[in-house]
N, C-alpha and C. Protein backbone atom coordinates (compact mmCIF):
# COMPACT_ATOMS: atom_id res chain seq x y z
N MET A 1 6.88 -66.87 -47.32
CA MET A 1 7.13 -67.20 -48.71
C MET A 1 5.96 -67.99 -49.31
N HIS A 2 5.36 -68.89 -48.52
CA HIS A 2 4.24 -69.69 -48.99
C HIS A 2 3.10 -68.79 -49.48
N ASP A 3 2.69 -67.84 -48.64
CA ASP A 3 1.59 -66.93 -49.02
C ASP A 3 1.98 -66.04 -50.19
N ASN A 4 3.24 -65.65 -50.24
CA ASN A 4 3.72 -64.82 -51.34
C ASN A 4 3.61 -65.57 -52.67
N LEU A 5 3.99 -66.84 -52.67
CA LEU A 5 3.88 -67.64 -53.89
C LEU A 5 2.43 -67.87 -54.29
N LYS A 6 1.58 -68.11 -53.31
CA LYS A 6 0.15 -68.27 -53.61
C LYS A 6 -0.39 -67.01 -54.26
N GLN A 7 0.00 -65.85 -53.74
CA GLN A 7 -0.47 -64.59 -54.31
C GLN A 7 0.03 -64.41 -55.74
N LYS A 8 1.25 -64.81 -56.00
CA LYS A 8 1.80 -64.70 -57.35
C LYS A 8 1.04 -65.60 -58.33
N ILE A 9 0.71 -66.80 -57.89
CA ILE A 9 -0.08 -67.71 -58.74
C ILE A 9 -1.45 -67.10 -58.99
N PHE A 10 -2.05 -66.53 -57.96
CA PHE A 10 -3.34 -65.84 -58.08
C PHE A 10 -3.23 -64.72 -59.12
N ASP A 11 -2.19 -63.89 -59.00
CA ASP A 11 -1.99 -62.76 -59.91
C ASP A 11 -1.77 -63.22 -61.35
N ILE A 12 -0.99 -64.28 -61.54
CA ILE A 12 -0.78 -64.82 -62.89
C ILE A 12 -2.12 -65.26 -63.47
N GLY A 13 -2.95 -65.90 -62.65
CA GLY A 13 -4.27 -66.31 -63.11
C GLY A 13 -5.11 -65.14 -63.59
N GLN A 14 -5.07 -64.04 -62.86
CA GLN A 14 -5.81 -62.84 -63.29
C GLN A 14 -5.27 -62.32 -64.62
N ILE A 15 -3.96 -62.25 -64.73
CA ILE A 15 -3.34 -61.78 -65.98
C ILE A 15 -3.74 -62.68 -67.14
N GLN A 16 -3.88 -63.98 -66.88
CA GLN A 16 -4.24 -64.95 -67.92
C GLN A 16 -5.75 -64.97 -68.20
N ASN A 17 -6.49 -64.09 -67.52
CA ASN A 17 -7.95 -63.97 -67.69
C ASN A 17 -8.74 -65.14 -67.13
N TYR A 18 -8.20 -65.79 -66.11
CA TYR A 18 -8.95 -66.79 -65.36
C TYR A 18 -9.61 -66.09 -64.18
N TYR A 19 -10.42 -66.83 -63.47
CA TYR A 19 -11.01 -66.37 -62.21
C TYR A 19 -10.28 -67.13 -61.10
N PRO A 20 -9.23 -66.54 -60.55
CA PRO A 20 -8.47 -67.25 -59.51
C PRO A 20 -9.13 -67.14 -58.14
N LYS A 21 -8.92 -68.17 -57.34
CA LYS A 21 -9.43 -68.17 -55.96
C LYS A 21 -8.35 -68.75 -55.05
N LEU A 22 -8.21 -68.17 -53.89
CA LEU A 22 -7.29 -68.66 -52.86
C LEU A 22 -8.03 -69.57 -51.90
N GLU A 23 -7.34 -70.58 -51.40
CA GLU A 23 -7.88 -71.48 -50.38
C GLU A 23 -9.26 -72.04 -50.78
N TYR A 24 -9.30 -72.65 -51.94
CA TYR A 24 -10.55 -73.17 -52.50
C TYR A 24 -10.93 -74.47 -51.79
N PRO A 25 -12.17 -74.56 -51.29
CA PRO A 25 -12.57 -75.74 -50.51
C PRO A 25 -12.74 -77.00 -51.36
N LEU A 26 -12.31 -78.11 -50.77
CA LEU A 26 -12.50 -79.43 -51.37
C LEU A 26 -13.69 -80.10 -50.71
N ALA A 27 -14.25 -81.08 -51.38
CA ALA A 27 -15.43 -81.78 -50.87
C ALA A 27 -15.17 -82.47 -49.53
N HIS A 28 -13.97 -82.99 -49.33
CA HIS A 28 -13.66 -83.73 -48.10
C HIS A 28 -13.23 -82.82 -46.95
N GLY A 29 -13.25 -81.51 -47.15
CA GLY A 29 -12.94 -80.59 -46.06
C GLY A 29 -11.60 -79.90 -46.15
N GLY A 30 -10.71 -80.36 -47.01
CA GLY A 30 -9.43 -79.69 -47.17
C GLY A 30 -9.56 -78.47 -48.07
N ARG A 31 -8.45 -77.86 -48.37
CA ARG A 31 -8.44 -76.69 -49.25
C ARG A 31 -7.25 -76.76 -50.20
N ILE A 32 -7.48 -76.30 -51.41
CA ILE A 32 -6.42 -76.16 -52.41
C ILE A 32 -5.88 -74.73 -52.28
N ASP A 33 -4.57 -74.58 -52.34
CA ASP A 33 -3.96 -73.25 -52.16
C ASP A 33 -4.53 -72.22 -53.14
N VAL A 34 -4.53 -72.55 -54.43
CA VAL A 34 -5.03 -71.63 -55.46
C VAL A 34 -5.68 -72.45 -56.56
N VAL A 35 -6.79 -71.96 -57.08
CA VAL A 35 -7.38 -72.54 -58.29
C VAL A 35 -7.62 -71.42 -59.29
N TRP A 36 -7.65 -71.80 -60.55
CA TRP A 36 -8.06 -70.90 -61.62
C TRP A 36 -9.30 -71.51 -62.26
N GLN A 37 -10.32 -70.68 -62.44
CA GLN A 37 -11.56 -71.13 -63.08
C GLN A 37 -11.73 -70.40 -64.41
N TYR A 38 -12.32 -71.09 -65.39
CA TYR A 38 -12.64 -70.45 -66.66
C TYR A 38 -13.79 -69.46 -66.49
N ALA A 39 -14.76 -69.83 -65.67
CA ALA A 39 -15.93 -68.98 -65.40
C ALA A 39 -15.97 -68.71 -63.90
N GLU A 40 -16.51 -67.57 -63.53
CA GLU A 40 -16.50 -67.15 -62.13
C GLU A 40 -17.10 -68.18 -61.19
N HIS A 41 -18.15 -68.84 -61.61
CA HIS A 41 -18.81 -69.82 -60.75
C HIS A 41 -18.65 -71.25 -61.27
N GLY A 42 -17.68 -71.45 -62.14
CA GLY A 42 -17.44 -72.78 -62.69
C GLY A 42 -16.50 -73.60 -61.81
N VAL A 43 -16.23 -74.81 -62.25
CA VAL A 43 -15.29 -75.66 -61.53
C VAL A 43 -13.86 -75.24 -61.88
N PRO A 44 -12.92 -75.53 -61.02
CA PRO A 44 -11.53 -75.15 -61.29
C PRO A 44 -10.95 -75.86 -62.52
N ALA A 45 -10.22 -75.10 -63.32
CA ALA A 45 -9.51 -75.66 -64.47
C ALA A 45 -8.09 -76.08 -64.07
N PHE A 46 -7.49 -75.30 -63.17
CA PHE A 46 -6.15 -75.58 -62.65
C PHE A 46 -6.22 -75.59 -61.13
N ALA A 47 -5.44 -76.46 -60.51
CA ALA A 47 -5.32 -76.50 -59.05
C ALA A 47 -3.84 -76.45 -58.70
N PHE A 48 -3.49 -75.55 -57.80
CA PHE A 48 -2.09 -75.35 -57.41
C PHE A 48 -1.90 -75.60 -55.92
N GLU A 49 -0.88 -76.35 -55.60
CA GLU A 49 -0.46 -76.55 -54.22
C GLU A 49 0.99 -76.09 -54.11
N VAL A 50 1.24 -75.19 -53.17
CA VAL A 50 2.60 -74.74 -52.88
C VAL A 50 3.09 -75.54 -51.68
N GLU A 51 4.15 -76.29 -51.88
CA GLU A 51 4.68 -77.12 -50.78
C GLU A 51 6.17 -76.84 -50.62
N LEU A 52 6.50 -76.08 -49.59
CA LEU A 52 7.88 -75.69 -49.36
C LEU A 52 8.55 -76.54 -48.29
N SER A 53 7.77 -77.29 -47.55
CA SER A 53 8.36 -78.17 -46.54
C SER A 53 8.62 -79.52 -47.18
N ASN A 54 8.32 -80.56 -46.49
CA ASN A 54 8.62 -81.89 -46.99
C ASN A 54 7.38 -82.77 -46.98
N ASN A 55 6.20 -82.16 -46.94
CA ASN A 55 4.95 -82.89 -46.77
C ASN A 55 4.19 -83.01 -48.10
N PHE A 56 4.82 -83.64 -49.06
CA PHE A 56 4.25 -83.70 -50.40
C PHE A 56 3.07 -84.64 -50.50
N GLU A 57 3.01 -85.64 -49.64
CA GLU A 57 1.90 -86.59 -49.69
C GLU A 57 0.56 -85.88 -49.54
N LYS A 58 0.45 -84.99 -48.56
CA LYS A 58 -0.82 -84.29 -48.34
C LYS A 58 -1.15 -83.37 -49.51
N ALA A 59 -0.15 -82.69 -50.03
CA ALA A 59 -0.38 -81.81 -51.18
C ALA A 59 -0.87 -82.62 -52.38
N ILE A 60 -0.27 -83.78 -52.60
CA ILE A 60 -0.66 -84.63 -53.72
C ILE A 60 -2.07 -85.18 -53.52
N VAL A 61 -2.43 -85.52 -52.30
CA VAL A 61 -3.80 -85.98 -52.01
C VAL A 61 -4.81 -84.87 -52.36
N ARG A 62 -4.51 -83.64 -52.00
CA ARG A 62 -5.42 -82.53 -52.32
C ARG A 62 -5.52 -82.32 -53.83
N LEU A 63 -4.38 -82.38 -54.51
CA LEU A 63 -4.40 -82.23 -55.97
C LEU A 63 -5.17 -83.37 -56.63
N LYS A 64 -5.01 -84.57 -56.11
CA LYS A 64 -5.73 -85.71 -56.68
C LYS A 64 -7.23 -85.56 -56.48
N SER A 65 -7.63 -85.06 -55.33
CA SER A 65 -9.05 -84.82 -55.07
C SER A 65 -9.62 -83.83 -56.08
N ALA A 66 -8.90 -82.75 -56.33
CA ALA A 66 -9.35 -81.76 -57.32
C ALA A 66 -9.40 -82.38 -58.72
N PHE A 67 -8.41 -83.19 -59.03
CA PHE A 67 -8.35 -83.85 -60.34
C PHE A 67 -9.54 -84.79 -60.54
N LEU A 68 -9.83 -85.58 -59.52
CA LEU A 68 -10.93 -86.55 -59.63
C LEU A 68 -12.29 -85.87 -59.61
N ASN A 69 -12.45 -84.82 -58.82
CA ASN A 69 -13.75 -84.15 -58.71
C ASN A 69 -14.05 -83.21 -59.88
N TRP A 70 -13.04 -82.51 -60.37
CA TRP A 70 -13.29 -81.46 -61.36
C TRP A 70 -12.46 -81.60 -62.63
N ASN A 71 -11.65 -82.65 -62.73
CA ASN A 71 -10.78 -82.84 -63.88
C ASN A 71 -9.84 -81.65 -64.07
N THR A 72 -9.32 -81.13 -62.96
CA THR A 72 -8.40 -80.00 -63.02
C THR A 72 -7.03 -80.44 -63.51
N ARG A 73 -6.24 -79.45 -63.87
CA ARG A 73 -4.84 -79.69 -64.21
C ARG A 73 -4.03 -79.43 -62.93
N PRO A 74 -3.51 -80.47 -62.32
CA PRO A 74 -2.81 -80.31 -61.04
C PRO A 74 -1.39 -79.79 -61.21
N ARG A 75 -1.04 -78.80 -60.37
CA ARG A 75 0.29 -78.20 -60.39
C ARG A 75 0.84 -78.14 -58.97
N LEU A 76 2.04 -78.64 -58.80
CA LEU A 76 2.70 -78.64 -57.50
C LEU A 76 3.93 -77.75 -57.58
N ILE A 77 3.99 -76.75 -56.72
CA ILE A 77 5.12 -75.83 -56.68
C ILE A 77 6.02 -76.26 -55.53
N ALA A 78 7.29 -76.53 -55.84
CA ALA A 78 8.23 -77.02 -54.82
C ALA A 78 9.65 -76.64 -55.22
N GLU A 79 10.55 -76.79 -54.26
CA GLU A 79 11.97 -76.56 -54.53
C GLU A 79 12.52 -77.72 -55.38
N VAL A 80 13.45 -77.41 -56.26
CA VAL A 80 14.05 -78.40 -57.16
C VAL A 80 14.66 -79.56 -56.38
N LYS A 81 15.20 -79.29 -55.21
CA LYS A 81 15.88 -80.34 -54.44
C LYS A 81 14.95 -81.49 -54.03
N PHE A 82 13.64 -81.28 -54.13
CA PHE A 82 12.68 -82.31 -53.74
C PHE A 82 12.14 -83.11 -54.92
N LYS A 83 12.65 -82.85 -56.12
CA LYS A 83 12.09 -83.48 -57.32
C LYS A 83 12.09 -85.01 -57.24
N GLU A 84 13.18 -85.61 -56.81
CA GLU A 84 13.24 -87.08 -56.73
C GLU A 84 12.20 -87.63 -55.76
N LYS A 85 12.05 -86.99 -54.63
CA LYS A 85 11.06 -87.45 -53.64
C LYS A 85 9.65 -87.34 -54.22
N ILE A 86 9.36 -86.24 -54.87
CA ILE A 86 8.03 -86.04 -55.47
C ILE A 86 7.78 -87.10 -56.54
N ASP A 87 8.77 -87.33 -57.40
CA ASP A 87 8.63 -88.35 -58.44
C ASP A 87 8.39 -89.73 -57.84
N ARG A 88 9.06 -90.03 -56.75
CA ARG A 88 8.87 -91.32 -56.08
C ARG A 88 7.45 -91.45 -55.54
N ILE A 89 6.94 -90.40 -54.92
CA ILE A 89 5.56 -90.42 -54.39
C ILE A 89 4.57 -90.57 -55.54
N LEU A 90 4.78 -89.82 -56.60
CA LEU A 90 3.86 -89.88 -57.75
C LEU A 90 3.91 -91.23 -58.46
N SER A 91 5.01 -91.94 -58.35
CA SER A 91 5.12 -93.23 -59.04
C SER A 91 4.09 -94.25 -58.54
N TYR A 92 3.53 -94.02 -57.36
CA TYR A 92 2.51 -94.92 -56.81
C TYR A 92 1.09 -94.53 -57.24
N GLU A 93 0.96 -93.42 -57.92
CA GLU A 93 -0.36 -92.94 -58.34
C GLU A 93 -0.75 -93.53 -59.69
N GLU A 94 -2.05 -93.48 -59.98
CA GLU A 94 -2.55 -93.95 -61.26
C GLU A 94 -1.92 -93.15 -62.40
N THR A 95 -1.72 -93.80 -63.51
CA THR A 95 -1.02 -93.20 -64.64
C THR A 95 -1.65 -91.89 -65.10
N LYS A 96 -2.97 -91.86 -65.24
CA LYS A 96 -3.63 -90.66 -65.76
C LYS A 96 -3.38 -89.46 -64.86
N PHE A 97 -3.50 -89.65 -63.56
CA PHE A 97 -3.23 -88.56 -62.62
C PHE A 97 -1.75 -88.19 -62.63
N ARG A 98 -0.90 -89.19 -62.54
CA ARG A 98 0.55 -88.96 -62.49
C ARG A 98 1.02 -88.15 -63.69
N GLN A 99 0.51 -88.48 -64.86
CA GLN A 99 0.91 -87.77 -66.08
C GLN A 99 0.34 -86.36 -66.15
N SER A 100 -0.72 -86.10 -65.41
CA SER A 100 -1.33 -84.77 -65.40
C SER A 100 -0.62 -83.79 -64.48
N VAL A 101 0.03 -84.32 -63.46
CA VAL A 101 0.70 -83.46 -62.47
C VAL A 101 1.94 -82.83 -63.09
N LYS A 102 2.05 -81.53 -62.96
CA LYS A 102 3.26 -80.81 -63.36
C LYS A 102 3.88 -80.24 -62.10
N VAL A 103 5.16 -80.50 -61.92
CA VAL A 103 5.89 -79.96 -60.78
C VAL A 103 6.66 -78.74 -61.27
N LEU A 104 6.34 -77.59 -60.67
CA LEU A 104 6.95 -76.33 -61.07
C LEU A 104 7.95 -75.89 -60.01
N PRO A 105 9.21 -75.72 -60.38
CA PRO A 105 10.20 -75.23 -59.42
C PRO A 105 9.88 -73.80 -58.98
N VAL A 106 10.11 -73.52 -57.71
CA VAL A 106 9.83 -72.19 -57.16
C VAL A 106 10.53 -71.11 -57.97
N ALA A 107 11.81 -71.29 -58.27
CA ALA A 107 12.57 -70.27 -59.00
C ALA A 107 11.97 -70.01 -60.38
N GLN A 108 11.51 -71.06 -61.03
CA GLN A 108 10.91 -70.91 -62.36
C GLN A 108 9.59 -70.15 -62.27
N LEU A 109 8.80 -70.42 -61.25
CA LEU A 109 7.55 -69.70 -61.05
C LEU A 109 7.82 -68.22 -60.80
N GLU A 110 8.81 -67.93 -59.97
CA GLU A 110 9.18 -66.54 -59.68
C GLU A 110 9.59 -65.82 -60.97
N GLN A 111 10.40 -66.47 -61.78
CA GLN A 111 10.87 -65.89 -63.03
C GLN A 111 9.69 -65.65 -63.99
N PHE A 112 8.80 -66.62 -64.08
CA PHE A 112 7.63 -66.49 -64.95
C PHE A 112 6.74 -65.34 -64.49
N TYR A 113 6.56 -65.22 -63.19
CA TYR A 113 5.74 -64.14 -62.63
C TYR A 113 6.31 -62.77 -63.03
N LYS A 114 7.60 -62.59 -62.86
CA LYS A 114 8.23 -61.31 -63.22
C LYS A 114 8.03 -61.00 -64.70
N ALA A 115 8.23 -62.00 -65.55
CA ALA A 115 8.07 -61.80 -66.99
C ALA A 115 6.62 -61.49 -67.34
N LYS A 116 5.69 -62.18 -66.70
CA LYS A 116 4.26 -61.98 -66.98
C LYS A 116 3.82 -60.58 -66.58
N VAL A 117 4.24 -60.13 -65.40
CA VAL A 117 3.88 -58.79 -64.92
C VAL A 117 4.50 -57.73 -65.83
N ALA A 118 5.76 -57.91 -66.22
CA ALA A 118 6.42 -56.95 -67.09
C ALA A 118 5.72 -56.88 -68.45
N PHE A 119 5.33 -58.02 -68.98
CA PHE A 119 4.64 -58.05 -70.27
C PHE A 119 3.29 -57.35 -70.17
N LYS A 120 2.56 -57.59 -69.09
CA LYS A 120 1.25 -56.95 -68.89
C LYS A 120 1.41 -55.44 -68.79
N GLU A 121 2.43 -54.98 -68.09
CA GLU A 121 2.70 -53.54 -67.98
C GLU A 121 3.02 -52.95 -69.35
N GLN A 122 3.79 -53.67 -70.14
CA GLN A 122 4.13 -53.20 -71.48
C GLN A 122 2.87 -53.10 -72.35
N GLU A 123 1.98 -54.08 -72.24
CA GLU A 123 0.70 -54.03 -72.97
C GLU A 123 -0.08 -52.78 -72.60
N LYS A 124 -0.15 -52.49 -71.30
CA LYS A 124 -0.87 -51.30 -70.84
C LYS A 124 -0.22 -50.03 -71.37
N ASN A 125 1.10 -49.95 -71.27
CA ASN A 125 1.82 -48.76 -71.72
C ASN A 125 1.65 -48.50 -73.21
N LEU A 126 1.51 -49.56 -73.97
CA LEU A 126 1.33 -49.43 -75.42
C LEU A 126 -0.13 -49.27 -75.82
N GLY A 127 -1.02 -49.37 -74.84
CA GLY A 127 -2.44 -49.19 -75.12
C GLY A 127 -3.14 -50.42 -75.65
N PHE A 128 -2.55 -51.60 -75.47
CA PHE A 128 -3.17 -52.83 -75.95
C PHE A 128 -4.12 -53.46 -74.95
N SER A 129 -4.11 -52.98 -73.71
CA SER A 129 -5.02 -53.52 -72.70
C SER A 129 -5.30 -52.45 -71.65
N ASP A 130 -6.27 -52.74 -70.81
CA ASP A 130 -6.64 -51.80 -69.75
C ASP A 130 -5.79 -51.99 -68.52
């Protein structure tokens, strides 16, 4: 499921006309699950971490690294049942970073992906895009 969600985020990025990349390297040696770049060789505009287990601290550290290095928009994909824990962890972070992080529920991402793909198909069928 983790890889499937990463691929969906990648696909949404392509549909949105970003340059998405999987497993994007961080300066300290870690990797971000998915990033979207405005330009093919530019810095990431969005950074996504998919965390389906209970290890949010590491995911947040990676997102913070991307935020501090590239001023990315950090996005954490997780199950709704972990929202309180994530909020508690984020409460210890600096205000600017904490306010930038958006936590996206897995079900909502799945729903958005389906709608985005259907809309793109409709655009193609009507001749509005390639």
